[in-house]
Amino acid sequence: MSDETEVQGTTGWNDRIIAEFRANGGYVSWSSDEDFAAGRPLPPRIPGFADRGVPLVLVHHTGAKTGRERISPLFFQPVDDGWAVFATHGGSPRNPVWYHNLMAHPRAAVETGTETVPVVARLAEGAERERLWAAEVALVPRFAEFEEASGRQIPVVVLDRVPASDGDDPAAR
C-alpha cells in the first residue's frame, strides 16, 4: 500500500483526531460512538481515559516514497526523554505506513500537547523491546490480540529526542 492510499483512506479520521488533539492539549476521545457504529477498525476504548481522553502524540514523518510530510496520531509510552510507539496497525499482517516511513527517514518530530520536538526513530530490539511491549500490553491488553491476529511481532519504535545543539530540526520544516 502506498503512502497516498493509506492517507486518502484515513484523512478524515486523522484530521478529526489531530484537531481534537490540538484543541485538548494532546488528549482525544480517539474513537467516537459514530466510528464504532460504522464498524470502522479502530482501536478499542481504553478503561481509565473516559474523562479526559487518551493521551497521544502526533508523529510528523516523511513519506518513504513520496517525500511528503505525514502526521500520524499514535499511542505512546514515555521512554527516558523520548517516546515509544507501537506498529500494531490494528492487527493487520502488514506494518503501518508510518513505520516504513520512519525506518526510511528516521529524522522526524513529535508533537506533544503544546510543543513539537525533533526526534530520531530507532527500532527497539531484544530486552528493550520486550520491556516496552509488556508495559504497553499491561496498559492496553488489546495490543496482545493485535499481535496474535497479525501473525507478526509488532515493531516497537523509540523516538529519541534530538539534543537542541543538533542543527537539523525536522520540526522547523
Protein backbone atom coordinates (compact mmCIF):
# COMPACT_ATOMS: atom_id res chain seq x y z
CA MET A 1 0.00 0.00 0.00
CA SER A 2 1.43 3.38 -0.92
CA ASP A 3 1.63 6.38 1.40
CA GLU A 4 -1.03 8.04 -0.72
CA THR A 5 -3.52 5.16 -0.48
CA GLU A 6 -3.29 4.96 3.29
CA VAL A 7 -3.51 8.71 3.72
CA GLN A 8 -6.55 9.03 1.45
CA GLY A 9 -8.34 6.27 3.36
CA THR A 10 -7.75 7.83 6.77
CA THR A 11 -7.57 11.56 6.07
CA GLY A 12 -10.95 12.50 7.54
CA TRP A 13 -10.43 10.41 10.65
CA ASN A 14 -6.85 11.65 11.12
CA ASP A 15 -7.96 15.25 10.58
CA ARG A 16 -10.58 14.87 13.33
CA ILE A 17 -8.09 13.26 15.73
CA ILE A 18 -5.41 15.89 15.00
CA ALA A 19 -7.87 18.77 15.52
CA GLU A 20 -9.12 17.27 18.78
CA PHE A 21 -5.53 16.64 19.92
CA ARG A 22 -4.59 20.28 19.32
CA ALA A 23 -7.78 21.60 20.92
CA ASN A 24 -7.35 19.46 24.05
CA GLY A 25 -3.62 19.68 24.77
CA GLY A 26 -2.76 16.22 23.47
CA TYR A 27 -5.82 14.23 24.58
CA VAL A 28 -8.51 12.75 22.32
CA SER A 29 -11.55 10.55 22.65
CA TRP A 30 -9.87 8.50 19.85
CA SER A 31 -12.95 6.60 18.71
CA SER A 32 -16.35 8.22 18.66
CA ASP A 33 -19.70 6.46 19.01
CA GLU A 34 -20.18 7.13 15.29
CA ASP A 35 -16.89 5.39 14.47
CA PHE A 36 -17.91 2.29 16.42
CA ALA A 37 -21.43 2.31 14.94
CA ALA A 38 -19.94 2.46 11.43
CA GLY A 39 -17.86 -0.64 12.23
CA ARG A 40 -14.58 1.07 11.47
CA PRO A 41 -11.49 -0.94 12.51
CA LEU A 42 -10.47 1.41 15.29
CA PRO A 43 -8.52 0.93 18.49
CA PRO A 44 -10.64 -0.11 21.46
CA ARG A 45 -11.80 2.30 24.10
CA ILE A 46 -9.29 2.22 26.92
CA PRO A 47 -10.51 1.98 30.52
CA GLY A 48 -9.42 4.86 32.70
CA PHE A 49 -9.38 7.51 29.97
CA ALA A 50 -13.09 8.32 29.73
CA ASP A 51 -12.99 11.75 31.37
CA ARG A 52 -10.08 13.44 29.65
CA GLY A 53 -9.49 11.13 26.72
CA VAL A 54 -6.46 9.17 25.60
CA PRO A 55 -3.07 10.90 25.60
CA LEU A 56 -1.48 10.68 22.16
CA VAL A 57 1.45 12.07 20.25
CA LEU A 58 1.38 13.34 16.69
CA VAL A 59 4.35 11.93 14.81
CA HIS A 60 5.43 14.09 11.88
CA HIS A 61 7.28 11.87 9.40
CA THR A 62 8.38 11.91 5.78
CA GLY A 63 6.79 9.60 3.21
CA ALA A 64 9.24 6.90 2.15
CA LYS A 65 8.02 7.01 -1.46
CA THR A 66 6.52 10.48 -1.79
CA GLY A 67 8.89 12.54 0.36
CA ARG A 68 5.85 14.44 1.68
CA GLU A 69 5.26 15.23 5.33
CA ARG A 70 2.73 13.00 7.06
CA ILE A 71 1.22 13.22 10.53
CA SER A 72 0.13 10.12 12.42
CA PRO A 73 -1.69 10.23 15.78
CA LEU A 74 -0.28 7.39 17.88
CA PHE A 75 -0.49 5.80 21.30
CA PHE A 76 2.81 6.21 23.10
CA GLN A 77 4.77 5.28 26.15
CA PRO A 78 7.27 7.70 27.69
CA VAL A 79 10.84 6.40 27.38
CA ASP A 80 13.58 8.36 29.11
CA ASP A 81 13.49 11.70 27.25
CA GLY A 82 11.50 10.32 24.31
CA TRP A 83 8.58 8.12 23.33
CA ALA A 84 7.90 4.55 22.25
CA VAL A 85 5.19 3.92 19.63
CA PHE A 86 3.74 0.60 18.53
CA ALA A 87 3.18 -0.52 14.92
CA THR A 88 0.04 -2.60 15.65
CA HIS A 89 -1.87 -1.47 12.53
CA GLY A 90 -5.00 -2.81 14.23
CA GLY A 91 -3.78 -6.41 13.95
CA SER A 92 -3.08 -6.25 10.21
CA PRO A 93 -0.44 -8.65 8.87
CA ARG A 94 1.37 -5.59 7.43
CA ASN A 95 3.17 -2.87 9.28
CA PRO A 96 1.59 0.59 9.08
CA VAL A 97 2.92 3.08 6.53
CA TRP A 98 4.19 5.39 9.27
CA TYR A 99 6.51 2.58 10.41
CA HIS A 100 8.02 2.20 6.93
CA ASN A 101 8.36 5.99 6.68
CA LEU A 102 10.24 6.22 9.99
CA MET A 103 12.55 3.35 9.09
CA ALA A 104 13.33 5.05 5.73
CA HIS A 105 13.57 8.57 7.19
CA PRO A 106 14.29 8.33 10.94
CA ARG A 107 14.58 12.07 11.49
CA ALA A 108 11.09 13.19 12.45
CA ALA A 109 9.23 15.27 15.00
CA VAL A 110 6.82 14.53 17.83
CA GLU A 111 4.03 16.93 18.70
CA THR A 112 3.09 16.58 22.36
CA GLY A 113 0.37 18.74 23.80
CA THR A 114 1.83 22.16 23.12
CA GLU A 115 5.34 21.56 21.79
CA THR A 116 6.92 19.96 18.74
CA VAL A 117 10.20 18.16 19.39
CA PRO A 118 12.74 16.87 16.84
CA VAL A 119 13.40 13.13 17.21
CA VAL A 120 15.29 10.26 15.64
CA ALA A 121 13.42 6.97 15.27
CA ARG A 122 15.02 3.62 16.01
CA LEU A 123 13.68 0.10 16.31
CA ALA A 124 13.65 -1.28 19.86
CA GLU A 125 15.11 -4.78 19.97
CA GLY A 126 15.78 -7.56 22.45
CA ALA A 127 15.19 -6.87 26.13
CA GLU A 128 14.29 -3.23 25.49
CA ARG A 129 11.54 -4.22 23.04
CA GLU A 130 10.20 -6.89 25.39
CA ARG A 131 10.12 -4.48 28.35
CA LEU A 132 8.33 -1.73 26.39
CA TRP A 133 5.89 -4.17 24.77
CA ALA A 134 4.99 -5.83 28.10
CA ALA A 135 4.32 -2.43 29.71
CA GLU A 136 2.11 -1.37 26.78
CA VAL A 137 0.15 -4.64 26.76
CA ALA A 138 -0.44 -4.18 30.51
CA LEU A 139 -2.00 -0.77 29.75
CA VAL A 140 -3.79 -1.80 26.53
CA PRO A 141 -4.37 -5.60 26.63
CA ARG A 142 -5.93 -5.47 23.15
CA PHE A 143 -2.44 -4.89 21.72
CA ALA A 144 -1.62 -8.54 22.55
CA GLU A 145 -4.67 -9.56 20.49
CA PHE A 146 -3.43 -7.37 17.63
CA GLU A 147 -0.06 -9.10 17.70
CA GLU A 148 -1.64 -12.56 17.72
CA ALA A 149 -4.05 -11.68 14.89
CA SER A 150 -1.28 -10.11 12.80
CA GLY A 151 0.95 -13.17 12.73
CA ARG A 152 3.98 -10.92 13.20
CA GLN A 153 5.93 -9.44 16.08
CA ILE A 154 4.68 -5.87 16.47
CA PRO A 155 7.57 -3.44 16.00
CA VAL A 156 8.24 -1.02 18.83
CA VAL A 157 9.79 2.23 17.63
CA VAL A 158 11.60 4.52 20.04
CA LEU A 159 11.58 8.20 19.16
CA ASP A 160 14.64 9.70 20.84
CA ARG A 161 14.70 13.45 21.38
CA VAL A 162 17.36 15.23 19.34
CA PRO A 163 19.56 17.46 21.50
CA ALA A 164 18.96 21.18 20.97
CA SER A 165 22.52 21.57 19.68
CA ASP A 166 21.77 19.37 16.64
CA GLY A 167 21.19 21.83 13.79
CA ASP A 168 18.86 19.62 11.71
CA ASP A 169 15.47 20.37 13.27
CA PRO A 170 12.75 18.46 11.36
CA ALA A 171 10.12 20.36 13.32
CA ALA A 172 11.24 23.54 11.56
CA ARG A 173 10.35 22.20 8.09
